[in-house]
Protein backbone atom coordinates (compact mmCIF):
# COMPACT_ATOMS: atom_id res chain seq x y z
CA UNK A 1 88.08 127.80 100.60
CA UNK A 2 87.00 127.61 104.25
CA UNK A 3 88.53 130.02 106.72
CA UNK A 4 91.16 128.66 109.10
CA UNK A 5 90.51 129.71 112.69
CA UNK A 6 92.87 129.18 115.60
CA UNK A 7 91.08 127.33 118.38
CA UNK A 8 90.77 128.80 121.89
CA UNK A 9 92.47 126.93 124.71
CA UNK A 10 89.80 127.49 127.37
CA UNK A 11 86.39 126.90 125.86
CA UNK A 12 83.54 126.09 128.28
CA UNK A 13 81.07 126.40 125.41
CA UNK A 14 82.83 123.72 123.36
CA UNK A 15 80.94 120.81 121.85
CA UNK A 16 80.95 117.58 123.84
CA UNK A 17 79.12 115.40 121.32
CA UNK A 18 81.39 113.12 119.30
CA UNK A 19 79.33 113.68 116.18
CA UNK A 20 80.20 117.39 116.31
CA UNK A 21 83.96 116.79 116.42
CA UNK A 22 85.92 117.86 113.33
CA UNK A 23 89.53 117.75 112.16
CA UNK A 24 89.50 121.53 111.57
CA UNK A 25 86.86 124.17 112.17
CA UNK A 26 85.36 122.40 115.18
CA UNK A 27 84.50 123.77 118.62
CA UNK A 28 86.58 121.67 121.05
CA UNK A 29 86.55 121.69 124.85
CA UNK A 30 90.14 120.30 124.96
CA UNK A 31 89.10 117.63 127.45
CA UNK A 32 91.28 114.54 126.98
CA UNK A 33 88.63 111.81 126.96
CA UNK A 34 90.23 108.51 125.98
CA UNK A 35 86.92 106.67 126.15
CA UNK A 36 85.10 108.74 123.55
CA UNK A 37 87.02 109.15 120.32
CA UNK A 38 85.46 109.97 116.97
CA UNK A 39 88.25 108.52 114.84
CA UNK A 40 88.55 104.76 115.29
CA UNK A 41 92.16 104.69 114.09
CA UNK A 42 93.44 106.98 116.87
CA UNK A 43 93.33 104.42 119.68
CA UNK A 44 95.50 101.76 117.96
CA UNK A 45 97.81 104.50 116.67
CA UNK A 46 98.25 105.91 120.17
CA UNK A 47 98.91 102.45 121.63
CA UNK A 48 101.45 101.62 118.92
CA UNK A 49 103.27 104.93 119.35
CA UNK A 50 103.48 104.53 123.12
CA UNK A 51 104.79 100.97 122.78
CA UNK A 52 107.50 102.23 120.44
CA UNK A 53 109.28 103.99 123.31
CA UNK A 54 113.07 103.78 123.17
CA UNK A 55 116.16 105.85 123.99
CA UNK A 56 119.29 106.24 121.86
CA UNK A 57 121.67 104.97 124.53
CA UNK A 58 120.12 101.50 124.28
CA UNK A 59 122.06 100.94 121.09
CA UNK A 60 125.71 99.90 121.19
CA UNK A 61 127.77 102.10 118.88
CA UNK A 62 131.23 100.74 119.73
CA UNK A 63 131.66 98.98 116.38
CA UNK A 64 130.55 102.08 114.47
CA UNK A 65 133.20 104.17 116.21
CA UNK A 66 135.86 101.80 114.90
CA UNK A 67 134.38 101.45 111.41
CA UNK A 68 133.56 105.09 110.63
CA UNK A 69 137.20 106.16 109.95
CA UNK A 70 137.62 103.08 107.74
CA UNK A 71 134.65 103.78 105.46
CA UNK A 72 135.41 104.38 101.80
CA UNK A 73 135.59 108.07 100.94
CA UNK A 74 132.28 107.90 99.04
CA UNK A 75 130.56 106.11 101.91
CA UNK A 76 131.81 108.55 104.51
CA UNK A 77 130.81 111.54 102.39
CA UNK A 78 127.32 110.13 101.90
CA UNK A 79 127.03 109.20 105.58
CA UNK A 80 127.86 112.75 106.65
CA UNK A 81 125.56 114.46 104.16
CA UNK A 82 122.57 112.19 104.70
CA UNK A 83 122.95 112.40 108.46
CA UNK A 84 123.09 116.20 108.24
CA UNK A 85 119.85 116.15 106.24
CA UNK A 86 118.08 113.86 108.71
CA UNK A 87 119.17 116.09 111.60
CA UNK A 88 117.54 119.06 109.88
CA UNK A 89 114.32 117.18 109.12
CA UNK A 90 113.68 116.02 112.67
CA UNK A 91 114.65 119.40 114.09
CA UNK A 92 112.20 121.31 111.91
CA UNK A 93 109.49 118.72 112.59
CA UNK A 94 109.90 119.17 116.33
CA UNK A 95 109.50 122.93 115.94
CA UNK A 96 106.62 122.90 113.45
CA UNK A 97 104.20 120.28 114.76
CA UNK A 98 102.85 122.49 117.60
CA UNK A 99 101.95 125.11 114.95
CA UNK A 100 99.77 122.54 113.20
CA UNK A 101 98.19 121.46 116.47
CA UNK A 102 96.88 124.97 117.09
CA UNK A 103 94.40 124.47 114.25
CA UNK A 104 93.51 120.78 114.65
CA UNK A 105 90.22 120.78 116.56
CA UNK A 106 89.97 117.02 117.13
CA UNK A 107 91.60 116.68 120.51
CA UNK A 108 92.46 112.99 120.14
CA UNK A 109 94.46 113.85 117.00
CA UNK A 110 96.31 116.54 118.93
CA UNK A 111 97.33 113.87 121.43
CA UNK A 112 98.90 111.99 118.52
CA UNK A 113 100.73 115.13 117.41
CA UNK A 114 102.09 115.56 120.94
CA UNK A 115 103.56 112.05 120.87
CA UNK A 116 105.00 112.66 117.42
CA UNK A 117 106.64 115.90 118.60
CA UNK A 118 108.24 114.04 121.50
CA UNK A 119 109.47 111.28 119.21
CA UNK A 120 110.98 113.78 116.77
CA UNK A 121 112.92 115.26 119.69
CA UNK A 122 114.17 111.75 120.55
CA UNK A 123 115.27 111.34 116.93
CA UNK A 124 117.22 114.59 117.10
CA UNK A 125 118.92 113.31 120.24
CA UNK A 126 119.65 110.05 118.42
CA UNK A 127 121.48 111.79 115.61
CA UNK A 128 123.55 113.72 118.13
CA UNK A 129 124.36 110.41 119.80
CA UNK A 130 125.42 109.02 116.42
CA UNK A 131 127.73 111.98 115.84
CA UNK A 132 129.19 111.93 119.35
CA UNK A 133 130.01 108.23 119.03
CA UNK A 134 131.92 108.44 115.74
CA UNK A 135 133.78 111.74 115.60
CA UNK A 136 135.47 114.53 117.52
CA UNK A 137 133.60 117.78 118.40
CA UNK A 138 135.15 119.79 115.54
CA UNK A 139 134.10 117.16 113.01
CA UNK A 140 130.70 116.93 114.65
CA UNK A 141 129.89 120.58 114.02
CA UNK A 142 130.98 120.40 110.39
CA UNK A 143 128.53 117.54 109.80
CA UNK A 144 125.78 119.10 111.88
CA UNK A 145 125.68 122.27 109.81
CA UNK A 146 126.45 120.92 106.35
CA UNK A 147 122.90 121.78 105.33
CA UNK A 148 123.77 125.48 105.63
CA UNK A 149 126.75 125.35 103.25
CA UNK A 150 126.00 122.58 100.75
CA UNK A 151 123.83 124.16 98.04
CA UNK A 152 122.25 120.83 97.10
CA UNK A 153 121.29 120.11 100.68
CA UNK A 154 120.13 123.67 101.30
CA UNK A 155 117.87 123.49 98.23
CA UNK A 156 116.09 120.42 99.58
CA UNK A 157 115.73 121.93 103.03
CA UNK A 158 114.41 125.14 101.49
CA UNK A 159 111.58 123.27 99.74
CA UNK A 160 110.15 122.02 103.05
CA UNK A 161 111.30 125.02 105.08
CA UNK A 162 109.51 127.51 102.83
CA UNK A 163 106.26 125.54 103.06
CA UNK A 164 106.48 125.64 106.85
CA UNK A 165 107.44 129.32 106.90
CA UNK A 166 104.57 130.25 104.59
CA UNK A 167 102.18 128.79 107.13
CA UNK A 168 103.92 130.72 109.89
CA UNK A 169 103.46 133.99 108.01
CA UNK A 170 99.92 133.44 106.74
CA UNK A 171 97.55 131.04 108.49
CA UNK A 172 95.32 130.49 105.46
CA UNK A 173 93.54 127.22 104.73
CA UNK A 174 95.61 126.80 101.58
CA UNK A 175 98.86 127.12 103.54
CA UNK A 176 97.48 124.73 106.16
CA UNK A 177 96.82 122.11 103.49
CA UNK A 178 100.29 122.70 102.07
CA UNK A 179 101.93 122.23 105.46
CA UNK A 180 99.97 119.00 106.04
CA UNK A 181 101.10 117.72 102.65
CA UNK A 182 104.63 118.90 103.32
CA UNK A 183 104.66 116.74 106.45
CA UNK A 184 103.39 113.79 104.44
CA UNK A 185 106.17 114.20 101.87
CA UNK A 186 108.82 114.63 104.53
CA UNK A 187 107.71 111.56 106.47
CA UNK A 188 106.95 109.38 103.45
CA UNK A 189 109.69 110.20 100.95
CA UNK A 190 112.55 112.18 102.47
CA UNK A 191 112.99 110.06 105.58
CA UNK A 192 112.61 106.74 103.78
CA UNK A 193 115.15 107.72 101.16
CA UNK A 194 117.67 108.71 103.83
CA UNK A 195 117.16 105.51 105.79
CA UNK A 196 117.87 103.43 102.69
CA UNK A 197 121.55 104.40 102.67
CA UNK A 198 122.14 103.25 106.24
CA UNK A 199 120.46 99.91 105.58
CA UNK A 200 122.73 99.43 102.58
CA UNK A 201 125.78 99.97 104.78
CA UNK A 202 124.47 97.38 107.23
CA UNK A 203 123.91 94.74 104.58
CA UNK A 204 127.59 95.22 103.73
CA UNK A 205 128.43 94.70 107.43
CA UNK A 206 129.31 98.33 108.05
CA UNK A 207 127.92 100.76 110.65
CA UNK A 208 125.35 98.25 111.92
CA UNK A 209 124.76 100.30 115.07
CA UNK A 210 123.73 103.26 112.94
CA UNK A 211 121.36 101.06 110.95
CA UNK A 212 119.76 99.63 114.09
CA UNK A 213 119.17 103.13 115.43
CA UNK A 214 117.68 104.13 112.08
CA UNK A 215 115.34 101.14 112.29
CA UNK A 216 113.88 102.44 115.55
CA UNK A 217 113.50 105.88 114.01
CA UNK A 218 111.99 104.34 110.88
CA UNK A 219 109.40 102.52 112.98
CA UNK A 220 108.35 105.82 114.56
CA UNK A 221 108.25 107.60 111.22
CA UNK A 222 105.97 104.90 109.82
CA UNK A 223 103.40 105.82 112.46
CA UNK A 224 103.88 109.53 111.68
CA UNK A 225 103.31 108.88 108.00
CA UNK A 226 100.14 106.96 108.81
CA UNK A 227 98.97 109.82 111.06
CA UNK A 228 99.24 112.44 108.33
CA UNK A 229 97.72 110.15 105.75
CA UNK A 230 94.70 109.78 108.00
CA UNK A 231 94.51 113.52 108.69
CA UNK A 232 94.36 114.12 104.93
CA UNK A 233 91.73 111.42 104.48
CA UNK A 234 89.55 112.76 107.30
CA UNK A 235 89.75 116.26 105.82
CA UNK A 236 88.57 114.80 102.51
CA UNK A 237 85.68 113.03 104.25
CA UNK A 238 84.56 115.98 106.36
CA UNK A 239 85.18 118.74 103.81
CA UNK A 240 84.65 117.18 100.36
CA UNK A 241 84.70 120.63 98.75
CA UNK A 242 87.92 121.57 100.53
CA UNK A 243 90.26 119.08 98.86
CA UNK A 244 88.95 119.63 95.35
CA UNK A 245 90.60 118.86 92.02
CA UNK A 246 92.73 122.00 92.24
CA UNK A 247 94.05 121.08 95.69
CA UNK A 248 94.67 117.50 94.59
CA UNK A 249 96.73 118.76 91.67
CA UNK A 250 98.65 121.01 94.07
CA UNK A 251 99.35 117.95 96.24
CA UNK A 252 100.57 115.98 93.22
CA UNK A 253 102.87 118.81 92.13
CA UNK A 254 104.30 119.08 95.65
CA UNK A 255 104.85 115.34 95.82
CA UNK A 256 106.51 115.24 92.41
CA UNK A 257 108.78 118.16 93.34
CA UNK A 258 109.76 116.34 96.52
CA UNK A 259 110.50 113.14 94.59
CA UNK A 260 112.50 114.91 91.88
CA UNK A 261 114.60 116.67 94.49
CA UNK A 262 115.13 113.36 96.25
CA UNK A 263 116.26 111.67 93.03
CA UNK A 264 118.70 114.50 92.29
CA UNK A 265 119.96 114.36 95.86
CA UNK A 266 120.53 110.61 95.64
CA UNK A 267 122.57 111.05 92.48
CA UNK A 268 124.62 113.76 94.21
CA UNK A 269 125.09 112.27 97.68
CA UNK A 270 125.24 108.56 96.78
CA UNK A 271 126.34 108.64 93.15
CA UNK A 272 127.76 105.50 91.59
CA UNK A 273 130.57 104.76 94.04
CA UNK A 274 128.63 103.13 96.89
CA UNK A 275 128.79 99.36 97.07
CA UNK A 276 125.30 97.93 96.61
CA UNK A 277 123.62 101.13 95.36
CA UNK A 278 123.41 102.84 91.99
CA UNK A 279 121.74 106.00 90.81
CA UNK A 280 119.18 103.96 88.87
CA UNK A 281 118.29 101.94 91.95
CA UNK A 282 117.72 105.12 93.93
CA UNK A 283 115.61 106.66 91.15
CA UNK A 284 113.44 103.57 90.79
CA UNK A 285 112.89 103.40 94.53
CA UNK A 286 111.93 107.08 94.87
CA UNK A 287 109.51 106.85 91.95
CA UNK A 288 107.92 103.82 93.57
CA UNK A 289 107.62 105.70 96.87
CA UNK A 290 106.11 108.71 95.10
CA UNK A 291 103.41 106.59 93.46
CA UNK A 292 102.71 104.73 96.70
CA UNK A 293 102.31 107.95 98.69
CA UNK A 294 100.09 109.43 95.97
CA UNK A 295 97.68 106.51 95.70
CA UNK A 296 97.45 106.13 99.47
CA UNK A 297 95.76 109.54 99.71
CA UNK A 298 93.58 109.10 96.64
CA UNK A 299 95.78 110.84 94.07
CA UNK A 300 96.70 109.64 90.63
CA UNK A 301 100.21 108.12 90.43
CA UNK A 302 103.04 110.56 89.82
CA UNK A 303 105.07 108.35 87.47
CA UNK A 304 104.03 105.94 84.76
CA UNK A 305 104.76 102.41 85.91
CA UNK A 306 106.71 102.08 89.17
CA UNK A 307 103.72 100.60 90.96
CA UNK A 308 105.62 97.71 92.52
CA UNK A 309 108.57 97.76 94.87
CA UNK A 310 111.65 97.37 92.64
CA UNK A 311 113.22 93.92 92.85
CA UNK A 312 116.61 95.54 93.34
CA UNK A 313 115.34 97.37 96.47
CA UNK A 314 113.26 94.76 98.29
CA UNK A 315 115.96 94.52 100.92
CA UNK A 316 115.02 98.03 102.15
CA UNK A 317 111.68 96.93 103.60
CA UNK A 318 113.34 93.88 105.13
CA UNK A 319 115.87 96.01 106.98
CA UNK A 320 113.35 98.65 108.01
CA UNK A 321 111.15 96.02 109.66
CA UNK A 322 112.60 96.22 113.17
CA UNK A 323 112.94 92.59 114.27
CA UNK A 324 110.04 91.60 111.99
CA UNK A 325 107.33 93.61 113.75
CA UNK A 326 104.32 93.10 111.52
CA UNK A 327 102.50 96.40 111.30
CA UNK A 328 100.55 97.31 108.17
CA UNK A 329 100.02 101.01 108.73
CA UNK A 330 98.55 101.70 105.32
CA UNK A 331 95.79 99.19 105.94
CA UNK A 332 95.24 100.78 109.37
CA UNK A 333 95.76 97.37 110.95
CA UNK A 334 98.36 96.58 113.58
CA UNK A 335 99.16 92.93 114.19
CA UNK A 336 101.93 93.21 116.79
CA UNK A 337 103.04 95.58 119.50
CA UNK A 338 106.50 95.44 121.03
CA UNK A 339 108.61 97.71 123.16
CA UNK A 340 111.95 98.54 121.64
CA UNK A 341 113.72 97.01 124.64
CA UNK A 342 112.41 93.64 123.45
CA UNK A 343 113.95 93.98 120.04
CA UNK A 344 117.11 92.17 119.09
CA UNK A 345 119.77 93.51 116.77
CA UNK A 346 119.56 90.88 114.04
CA UNK A 347 121.11 92.87 111.19
């Protein structure tokens, strides 16, 4: 497996030819040249991400503040636990993305990672805004740090956290590939599963402010998912011997582990007492997501069947589509750009 080398920051001898640019192992100058990009998908990605700008305070949370104490016990428990998990995910993403950028030698891709890092910080602020708007400071802290005390939640965080820490401790190519795949799983399975719960509340006319905020976050995370899918694909194109059958099997095992943990978490956090959701619905949806994420990076499906979005869960994609913005990230084709200030809360 190729050696992973940290790139220098100041590099007068760096390559200036586009044809010499590589995702990893290149010789970059670090000049931000927006007119000469090797990867055609970067420019529309960058434009989409910039147009997605929003701030948490744009969203009215007054109704949520009134409704939160009135939630059923099962709904409030799930709300707190899933929010605690999402807070952890965005926090660790904000901290880890610069570590990945140190080894990405395609400067235009590093620009994308910089925007993603900023957006993850906005998401963290959003979750704090959600907490501040619904509960008192003492309750806030108990939700914020549930991931440290709940063994189920800690187990899920440990799966991703250990992958990221392994890369911190040993900057090998294998650990780099694992951390890239870990990001893909986090963005494409963990986040989407968490968002589902808030959309279900909204379709029952509860906590609609939370759901609208999640929609903005979801829109950002869709671009992040697309970014890491493309990073994996470019690595496959540039280093066909790097992502070999052994690495692909490692990716599949990681993805399956992430899905299985997500299914178990759904059964624990959501259970059978949430109006509009059942354990079977959650399991079917996660298996569908797992297969979708696998095939979108050239892997064999994880689960037999589950190739179509379950009929019982089609409402998820409808809610996640923020004011019907038509963006097909997995076909690398964007058909509409819109600033979040132009969106209307139509939940």
